[in-house]
Amino acid sequence: MDERIDLKKQGKLKSNITRFRQDKRLAVTGVLHSLGLLGMLACVVFGIFRYQEELRPENLQRLASYVKAAGSITDPFTEYRFEAGLDTTYQPFAAGLAVASGDTYSFVSGLGDRSYSIQLRYNDPTLCVSDQFVLAYDRGGTGFCVANGYAEYLNDHTESPILTASMNSEGAFALVTDESGYRSAVSVYSKKQELLCQWYTAHYYVLFASVSPDSSRFAVLGLGQGDGSLTLSTKLLCFAIGEEEAAWSVELGEKQIYSVTHDKSGGVIIVCDDGVERYEDGKRTHRVPFDQPLRLFSAKESGQVLLAFDHADRGSRSTKALLLGDRLETLWSGSLEGTPRSLDCRGGTAGILTADRLEIITTHHDTVTTDTRLHDGARDVVVNDDGEPILIYSDRARKVLPEDEE
């Protein structure tokens, strides 16, 4: 009798067909893709929330201008000609030059062309610059404007004539006005062009005002009469934003003050007739005395101080120059032939212009280098934020190129 043995039932025969598991790689990829999109969306939301006040159409214009400049490196800025017959005020700004000529503010780009202009109609336009903004105001008038190389951010007027103004490196600025019923007033604006505070005084004629780098304080130099005194004396006062009473003050007596600025750490730097002094919390922390008459100087907000003195040695006249750092330490000193016409310092570079030559002093960390270039009748020198000297002539501005021969 035939007996069939079912091996499969007995477990002795296995199928040779392999059963494949379901492929889940596509699903995993989809999950990772979704997580990536969620992460990107979270970054966008955070960016909008964090930088919502910076998301302006003007920033897109700035990006477009950067792309344009990057694509035109074959035509770099070397020279710009001023409009004939007009008084011109200028300041180095960004990669080019901020120019106020006649009733117009213009930004001359690094490409050497006028890339942006505003009609101001100021009688005596004056410029102050920061890292990102230019303040143009009508000295003796009431108009003031904040712009840059591609847009206008604020165009306004004061109720009283503007005497002077200053702008810190971040773009916050102070306007000193001649107020009716008072001797002076100071209006402080933030880097976002918002009015932070106004201070009125019936005791002092305010000569200078300077906003601290963090825009939390401002310093003023006042000229007035002391209690029971018939003589005028100067006083340095420092205020916290929004406070009517000074946080500290220093009597400076009858010194002649030429400049009041802040250094990077918030100390107040004054240049006067007998030295350069630094004050912090009402105390003088550093002083560099003068032993010779001061002829020219350059002192910028959060910048270095460059000084030039008349120097006589055995009947011959020359110029002694001194470059000071943030804490008024000496970075460089030397003697120059001839009388300086102009000087300026920015971006770690100082330029001193004499009748026929330009002295360039470059400071980088602990290294100081000097260079001498001849020129043909320049009347002024300015240095941009990149440390590049620009010679100013009666009709044009020309950048000093590395390949220029001595």
Protein backbone atom coordinates (compact mmCIF):
# COMPACT_ATOMS: atom_id res chain seq x y z
CA MET A 1 0.00 0.00 0.00
CA ASP A 2 1.27 3.28 -1.14
CA GLU A 3 1.67 5.66 1.72
CA ARG A 4 2.26 9.22 0.86
CA ILE A 5 4.36 11.05 3.32
CA ASP A 6 3.54 14.74 3.61
CA LEU A 7 6.97 16.13 4.37
CA LYS A 8 5.68 19.67 4.36
CA LYS A 9 3.36 18.88 7.21
CA GLN A 10 6.14 17.21 9.07
CA GLY A 11 8.25 20.36 8.75
CA LYS A 12 10.94 18.61 6.79
CA LEU A 13 10.38 20.53 3.54
CA LYS A 14 10.83 24.25 3.36
CA SER A 15 9.81 26.57 0.60
CA ASN A 16 12.71 28.00 -1.41
CA ILE A 17 10.80 31.29 -2.08
CA THR A 18 12.09 34.23 0.02
CA ARG A 19 9.45 36.60 1.23
CA PHE A 20 10.67 40.27 1.02
CA ARG A 21 9.79 42.80 3.70
CA GLN A 22 8.02 46.01 2.76
CA ASP A 23 10.48 48.74 1.56
CA LYS A 24 10.21 51.64 4.06
CA ARG A 25 13.10 53.75 2.74
CA LEU A 26 10.77 56.00 0.77
CA ALA A 27 8.65 56.65 3.85
CA VAL A 28 11.75 57.46 5.92
CA THR A 29 12.94 59.86 3.22
CA GLY A 30 9.55 61.54 3.24
CA VAL A 31 9.67 61.97 7.01
CA LEU A 32 13.16 63.48 6.85
CA HIS A 33 12.07 65.79 4.03
CA SER A 34 9.10 66.97 6.11
CA LEU A 35 11.35 67.58 9.11
CA GLY A 36 13.71 69.58 6.91
CA LEU A 37 10.86 71.73 5.64
CA LEU A 38 9.62 72.27 9.18
CA GLY A 39 13.13 73.32 10.22
CA MET A 40 13.38 75.75 7.34
CA LEU A 41 9.95 77.16 8.20
CA ALA A 42 11.00 77.55 11.85
CA CYS A 43 14.15 79.42 10.74
CA VAL A 44 12.10 81.73 8.52
CA VAL A 45 9.61 82.45 11.32
CA PHE A 46 12.44 83.10 13.79
CA GLY A 47 14.21 85.35 11.29
CA ILE A 48 11.04 87.36 10.68
CA PHE A 49 10.40 87.69 14.42
CA ARG A 50 14.01 88.52 15.28
CA TYR A 51 14.75 90.91 12.40
CA GLN A 52 11.29 92.20 11.56
CA GLU A 53 12.39 95.83 11.89
CA GLU A 54 15.23 95.24 9.43
CA LEU A 55 13.03 93.65 6.75
CA ARG A 56 12.63 96.69 4.57
CA PRO A 57 12.53 97.05 0.79
CA GLU A 58 15.64 99.20 1.07
CA ASN A 59 17.65 96.21 2.25
CA LEU A 60 16.80 94.40 -0.97
CA GLN A 61 18.07 97.47 -2.82
CA ARG A 62 21.28 97.29 -0.81
CA LEU A 63 21.70 93.62 -1.70
CA ALA A 64 21.16 94.48 -5.35
CA SER A 65 23.75 97.24 -5.13
CA TYR A 66 26.25 94.80 -3.59
CA VAL A 67 25.65 92.36 -6.44
CA LYS A 68 26.11 95.17 -8.93
CA ALA A 69 29.35 96.26 -7.28
CA ALA A 70 30.65 92.70 -7.12
CA GLY A 71 29.91 92.23 -10.81
CA SER A 72 31.70 95.43 -11.78
CA ILE A 73 35.09 94.96 -10.13
CA THR A 74 36.74 95.62 -13.48
CA ASP A 75 35.72 99.28 -13.15
CA PRO A 76 36.76 100.30 -9.60
CA PHE A 77 36.34 103.77 -8.13
CA THR A 78 39.43 105.86 -8.81
CA GLU A 79 38.12 109.39 -9.38
CA TYR A 80 34.98 111.52 -9.08
CA ARG A 81 34.52 115.06 -10.35
CA PHE A 82 32.57 117.60 -8.32
CA GLU A 83 29.98 119.87 -9.87
CA ALA A 84 31.60 123.10 -11.01
CA GLY A 85 30.73 126.34 -9.24
CA LEU A 86 29.20 124.73 -6.14
CA ASP A 87 30.53 124.46 -2.60
CA THR A 88 31.01 120.80 -1.78
CA THR A 89 31.00 119.01 1.57
CA TYR A 90 32.15 115.40 1.64
CA GLN A 91 32.75 112.47 3.99
CA PRO A 92 34.03 108.96 3.21
CA PHE A 93 31.18 106.48 3.58
CA ALA A 94 30.97 102.73 2.87
CA ALA A 95 32.98 101.98 -0.28
CA GLY A 96 32.55 105.47 -1.69
CA LEU A 97 31.98 109.11 -0.81
CA ALA A 98 29.02 110.98 0.70
CA VAL A 99 28.78 114.38 -1.00
CA ALA A 100 26.61 117.43 -0.29
CA SER A 101 26.86 119.85 -3.18
CA GLY A 102 24.53 122.80 -3.54
CA ASP A 103 21.11 121.59 -2.43
CA THR A 104 21.72 117.89 -3.14
CA TYR A 105 23.01 114.96 -1.14
CA SER A 106 24.66 112.26 -3.25
CA PHE A 107 26.36 108.98 -2.61
CA VAL A 108 29.24 108.24 -4.96
CA SER A 109 29.66 104.47 -5.08
CA GLY A 110 32.87 102.51 -5.23
CA LEU A 111 32.30 102.33 -8.98
CA GLY A 112 32.92 106.06 -9.31
CA ASP A 113 29.36 106.99 -10.32
CA ARG A 114 26.60 108.82 -8.47
CA SER A 115 24.32 105.98 -7.44
CA TYR A 116 21.84 107.83 -5.20
CA SER A 117 20.76 111.46 -4.73
CA ILE A 118 18.32 113.44 -2.57
CA GLN A 119 17.18 117.04 -3.06
CA LEU A 120 17.69 118.71 0.34
CA ARG A 121 17.55 122.47 -0.34
CA TYR A 122 19.87 123.28 2.58
CA ASN A 123 21.74 126.58 2.71
CA ASP A 124 24.74 125.17 4.63
CA PRO A 125 24.70 121.35 4.39
CA THR A 126 26.93 119.46 6.83
CA LEU A 127 27.54 115.71 6.96
CA CYS A 128 28.16 113.19 9.76
CA VAL A 129 28.68 109.51 9.03
CA SER A 130 28.40 106.19 10.86
CA ASP A 131 29.03 102.64 9.73
CA GLN A 132 25.61 102.40 8.04
CA PHE A 133 24.09 105.89 7.85
CA VAL A 134 24.80 109.47 6.83
CA LEU A 135 23.32 112.43 8.74
CA ALA A 136 22.93 115.55 6.63
CA TYR A 137 21.76 118.73 8.37
CA ASP A 138 21.42 122.40 7.57
CA ARG A 139 23.75 124.28 9.90
CA GLY A 140 21.88 127.41 10.96
CA GLY A 141 18.70 126.01 9.42
CA THR A 142 16.13 123.49 10.60
CA GLY A 143 16.33 120.59 8.15
CA PHE A 144 18.00 117.24 8.79
CA CYS A 145 17.99 113.94 6.94
CA VAL A 146 19.25 110.39 7.53
CA ALA A 147 20.17 108.34 4.47
CA ASN A 148 22.77 105.94 3.17
CA GLY A 149 23.93 104.90 -0.27
CA TYR A 150 20.57 103.71 -1.57
CA ALA A 151 17.66 105.03 0.54
CA GLU A 152 16.33 107.87 2.68
CA TYR A 153 15.30 106.88 6.21
CA LEU A 154 14.27 110.19 7.76
CA ASN A 155 13.68 113.70 6.44
CA ASP A 156 12.49 116.11 9.09
CA HIS A 157 12.78 119.63 10.51
CA THR A 158 13.42 121.04 13.97
CA GLU A 159 11.51 123.97 15.42
CA SER A 160 14.73 125.91 16.06
CA PRO A 161 18.01 126.41 14.16
CA ILE A 162 20.52 123.55 14.33
CA LEU A 163 23.90 124.63 15.71
CA THR A 164 25.80 121.34 15.45
CA ALA A 165 25.27 117.59 15.38
CA SER A 166 27.12 114.30 15.77
CA MET A 167 26.48 110.63 14.95
CA ASN A 168 27.97 107.59 16.69
CA SER A 169 29.29 104.51 14.89
CA GLU A 170 25.94 102.69 15.18
CA GLY A 171 23.91 105.54 13.67
CA ALA A 172 22.41 107.18 16.77
CA PHE A 173 22.79 110.95 16.64
CA ALA A 174 22.39 114.17 18.62
CA LEU A 175 21.19 117.56 17.37
CA VAL A 176 22.09 120.76 19.24
CA THR A 177 19.58 123.56 18.63
CA ASP A 178 19.25 127.21 19.62
CA GLU A 179 15.95 127.12 21.48
CA SER A 180 13.83 130.18 22.16
CA GLY A 181 13.49 130.72 25.91
CA TYR A 182 16.55 128.55 26.59
CA ARG A 183 20.21 128.78 25.80
CA SER A 184 20.38 125.40 24.05
CA ALA A 185 18.64 122.07 23.60
CA VAL A 186 19.89 118.60 22.71
CA SER A 187 17.72 116.05 20.88
CA VAL A 188 18.96 112.44 20.81
CA TYR A 189 17.76 109.95 18.18
CA SER A 190 18.32 106.20 18.05
CA LYS A 191 19.90 104.30 15.15
CA LYS A 192 16.31 103.55 14.07
CA GLN A 193 15.68 107.30 13.77
CA GLU A 194 13.41 107.38 16.83
CA LEU A 195 13.50 110.35 19.20
CA LEU A 196 14.90 109.07 22.51
CA CYS A 197 14.96 112.24 24.58
CA GLN A 198 15.28 116.03 24.56
CA TRP A 199 17.25 118.06 27.08
CA TYR A 200 16.77 121.79 27.50
CA THR A 201 19.10 124.08 29.43
CA ALA A 202 18.90 127.70 30.45
CA HIS A 203 22.35 127.59 32.07
CA TYR A 204 24.71 126.52 29.26
CA TYR A 205 25.42 127.22 25.66
CA VAL A 206 25.99 123.70 24.34
CA LEU A 207 29.06 123.57 22.10
CA PHE A 208 29.23 119.80 21.48
CA ALA A 209 27.09 116.72 22.05
CA SER A 210 28.10 113.08 21.61
CA VAL A 211 26.10 109.83 21.95
CA SER A 212 27.78 106.81 23.55
CA PRO A 213 28.42 103.72 21.37
CA ASP A 214 25.59 101.76 23.04
CA SER A 215 23.24 104.80 22.81
CA SER A 216 22.49 104.62 26.53
CA ARG A 217 24.10 107.98 27.38
CA PHE A 218 25.06 111.26 25.83
CA ALA A 219 27.70 113.82 26.78
CA VAL A 220 27.51 117.57 26.28
CA LEU A 221 30.02 120.36 26.61
CA GLY A 222 28.40 123.46 28.05
CA LEU A 223 29.69 127.02 28.26
CA GLY A 224 28.24 129.08 31.09
CA GLN A 225 28.83 131.16 34.17
CA GLY A 226 29.56 129.52 37.48
CA ASP A 227 27.73 130.49 40.67
CA GLY A 228 28.60 134.10 41.47
CA SER A 229 31.18 134.25 38.68
CA LEU A 230 31.27 136.78 35.85
CA THR A 231 33.60 134.70 33.67
CA LEU A 232 32.53 131.95 31.29
CA SER A 233 33.77 128.42 31.90
CA THR A 234 33.22 125.04 30.28
CA LYS A 235 31.65 122.00 31.87
CA LEU A 236 31.43 118.41 30.66
CA LEU A 237 28.16 116.70 31.57
CA CYS A 238 27.04 113.12 30.93
CA PHE A 239 23.37 112.07 30.98
CA ALA A 240 21.60 108.73 30.88
CA ILE A 241 18.97 108.67 28.15
CA GLY A 242 15.69 110.03 29.52
CA GLU A 243 17.19 111.54 32.68
CA GLU A 244 17.07 115.29 33.32
CA GLU A 245 19.87 115.34 35.89
CA ALA A 246 23.45 114.60 34.86
CA ALA A 247 24.91 111.26 35.95
CA TRP A 248 28.24 113.04 36.36
CA SER A 249 29.91 116.30 35.44
CA VAL A 250 33.41 117.76 35.34
CA GLU A 251 34.41 121.41 35.55
CA LEU A 252 36.96 122.22 32.84
CA GLY A 253 37.50 125.88 33.71
CA GLU A 254 38.59 128.22 30.94
CA LYS A 255 40.07 125.54 28.67
CA GLN A 256 39.45 125.90 24.98
CA ILE A 257 37.78 122.68 23.83
CA TYR A 258 38.00 121.62 20.17
CA SER A 259 36.21 118.27 20.18
CA VAL A 260 34.08 115.92 22.32
CA THR A 261 33.66 112.27 21.25
CA HIS A 262 33.27 108.77 22.73
CA ASP A 263 35.76 105.94 22.40
CA LYS A 264 34.75 102.32 21.72
CA SER A 265 34.41 101.47 25.40
CA GLY A 266 32.19 104.45 26.23
CA GLY A 267 34.76 106.85 27.67
CA VAL A 268 34.52 110.53 26.73
CA ILE A 269 37.48 111.96 24.80
CA ILE A 270 38.06 115.71 24.67
CA VAL A 271 40.68 117.53 22.61
CA CYS A 272 41.57 120.88 24.17
CA ASP A 273 44.26 123.53 23.90
CA ASP A 274 46.68 121.84 26.30
CA GLY A 275 46.11 118.11 25.75
CA VAL A 276 43.82 115.17 25.04
CA GLU A 277 41.89 113.80 28.02
CA ARG A 278 39.66 110.79 28.65
CA TYR A 279 36.86 110.79 31.25
CA GLU A 280 34.75 107.97 32.62
CA ASP A 281 32.20 108.13 35.47
CA GLY A 282 33.26 111.68 36.26
CA LYS A 283 36.95 110.89 36.62
CA ARG A 284 39.85 111.61 34.31
CA THR A 285 41.44 108.28 33.45
CA HIS A 286 44.05 109.30 30.85
CA ARG A 287 45.75 112.48 29.67
CA VAL A 288 48.24 113.28 26.91
CA PRO A 289 49.63 116.81 27.47
CA PHE A 290 50.79 119.08 24.65
CA ASP A 291 54.24 120.65 24.81
CA GLN A 292 53.83 122.41 21.45
CA PRO A 293 51.00 124.35 19.76
CA LEU A 294 48.35 122.13 18.20
CA ARG A 295 47.90 122.85 14.50
CA LEU A 296 45.47 120.19 13.22
CA PHE A 297 43.69 117.16 14.64
CA SER A 298 41.27 114.41 13.69
CA ALA A 299 39.04 112.76 16.32
CA LYS A 300 36.20 110.46 15.24
CA GLU A 301 33.51 108.70 17.24
CA SER A 302 34.90 105.31 18.39
CA GLY A 303 38.07 106.04 16.43
CA GLN A 304 41.69 106.99 16.83
CA VAL A 305 43.03 110.50 17.45
CA LEU A 306 45.56 112.04 15.07
CA LEU A 307 47.40 115.23 16.07
CA ALA A 308 49.83 117.55 14.27
CA PHE A 309 51.97 120.18 16.03
CA ASP A 310 54.14 123.04 14.86
CA HIS A 311 57.74 122.16 15.64
CA ALA A 312 60.81 124.41 15.50
CA ASP A 313 64.27 122.88 15.72
CA ARG A 314 67.41 125.02 15.31
CA GLY A 315 65.69 127.60 13.19
CA SER A 316 63.96 125.16 10.82
CA ARG A 317 60.24 124.50 11.01
CA SER A 318 58.69 121.09 10.69
CA THR A 319 55.65 119.17 11.87
CA LYS A 320 55.44 116.66 14.67
CA ALA A 321 52.61 114.15 14.39
CA LEU A 322 51.11 111.80 16.97
CA LEU A 323 48.61 108.95 16.51
CA LEU A 324 46.73 107.81 19.65
CA GLY A 325 44.76 104.61 20.21
CA ASP A 326 41.50 103.89 22.02
CA ARG A 327 43.01 104.44 25.46
CA LEU A 328 45.14 107.37 24.29
CA GLU A 329 48.19 105.13 24.03
CA THR A 330 50.77 106.23 21.46
CA LEU A 331 50.55 104.11 18.30
CA TRP A 332 52.97 106.19 16.25
CA SER A 333 54.87 109.46 16.43
CA GLY A 334 57.19 111.14 13.97
CA SER A 335 58.35 114.34 12.31
CA LEU A 336 57.36 115.52 8.84
CA GLU A 337 58.83 118.08 6.49
CA GLY A 338 56.64 121.04 5.70
CA THR A 339 53.34 122.31 7.06
CA PRO A 340 50.32 119.99 7.07
CA ARG A 341 47.30 121.06 5.03
CA SER A 342 44.97 118.33 6.21
CA LEU A 343 44.87 115.01 8.05
CA ASP A 344 42.44 112.18 8.68
CA CYS A 345 42.39 108.66 10.12
CA ARG A 346 40.03 105.69 9.78
CA GLY A 347 40.23 101.95 9.48
CA GLY A 348 43.69 101.75 11.04
CA THR A 349 45.19 104.16 8.50
CA ALA A 350 46.19 107.80 8.98
CA GLY A 351 46.90 110.27 6.19
CA ILE A 352 48.77 113.58 6.60
CA LEU A 353 48.80 115.94 3.63
CA THR A 354 51.53 118.55 3.15
CA ALA A 355 52.17 120.89 0.24
CA ASP A 356 53.66 118.26 -2.06
CA ARG A 357 53.34 114.87 -0.41
CA LEU A 358 51.02 112.52 1.43
CA GLU A 359 52.27 110.60 4.45
CA ILE A 360 50.38 107.34 5.03
CA ILE A 361 50.67 105.59 8.42
CA THR A 362 49.11 102.13 8.73
CA THR A 363 48.66 100.38 12.08
CA HIS A 364 47.89 96.67 12.17
CA HIS A 365 48.04 94.97 15.57
CA ASP A 366 51.56 95.81 16.80
CA THR A 367 52.96 96.62 13.35
CA VAL A 368 53.21 100.18 12.05
CA THR A 369 54.20 100.97 8.45
CA THR A 370 54.72 104.36 6.80
CA ASP A 371 54.61 105.34 3.15
CA THR A 372 55.15 108.62 1.29
CA ARG A 373 53.39 109.59 -1.95
CA LEU A 374 53.83 112.75 -4.02
CA HIS A 375 50.75 114.64 -5.16
CA ASP A 376 49.97 117.48 -7.53
CA GLY A 377 48.00 120.13 -5.69
CA ALA A 378 45.56 118.23 -3.47
CA ARG A 379 43.91 120.40 -0.83
CA ASP A 380 42.50 117.75 1.51
CA VAL A 381 42.76 114.07 2.39
CA VAL A 382 40.12 111.74 3.82
CA VAL A 383 40.42 108.06 4.70
CA ASN A 384 37.55 105.61 4.23
CA ASP A 385 36.58 102.74 6.52
CA ASP A 386 38.77 100.34 4.56
CA GLY A 387 41.82 102.47 5.34
CA GLU A 388 42.14 103.82 1.79
CA PRO A 389 43.22 107.49 1.48
CA ILE A 390 41.27 109.71 -0.93
CA LEU A 391 42.84 112.97 -2.13
CA ILE A 392 40.50 115.92 -2.57
CA TYR A 393 41.22 118.53 -5.23
CA SER A 394 39.26 121.66 -6.08
CA ASP A 395 37.35 119.82 -8.80
CA ARG A 396 37.64 116.12 -8.05
CA ALA A 397 38.30 113.32 -5.56
CA ARG A 398 40.88 110.64 -6.37
CA LYS A 399 41.63 107.46 -4.48
CA VAL A 400 45.30 106.78 -3.74
CA LEU A 401 46.06 103.47 -5.45
CA PRO A 402 48.76 101.02 -4.31
CA GLU A 403 50.50 101.23 -7.67
CA ASP A 404 50.88 105.03 -7.48
CA GLU A 405 54.54 105.90 -7.59
CA GLU A 406 56.21 108.04 -5.01
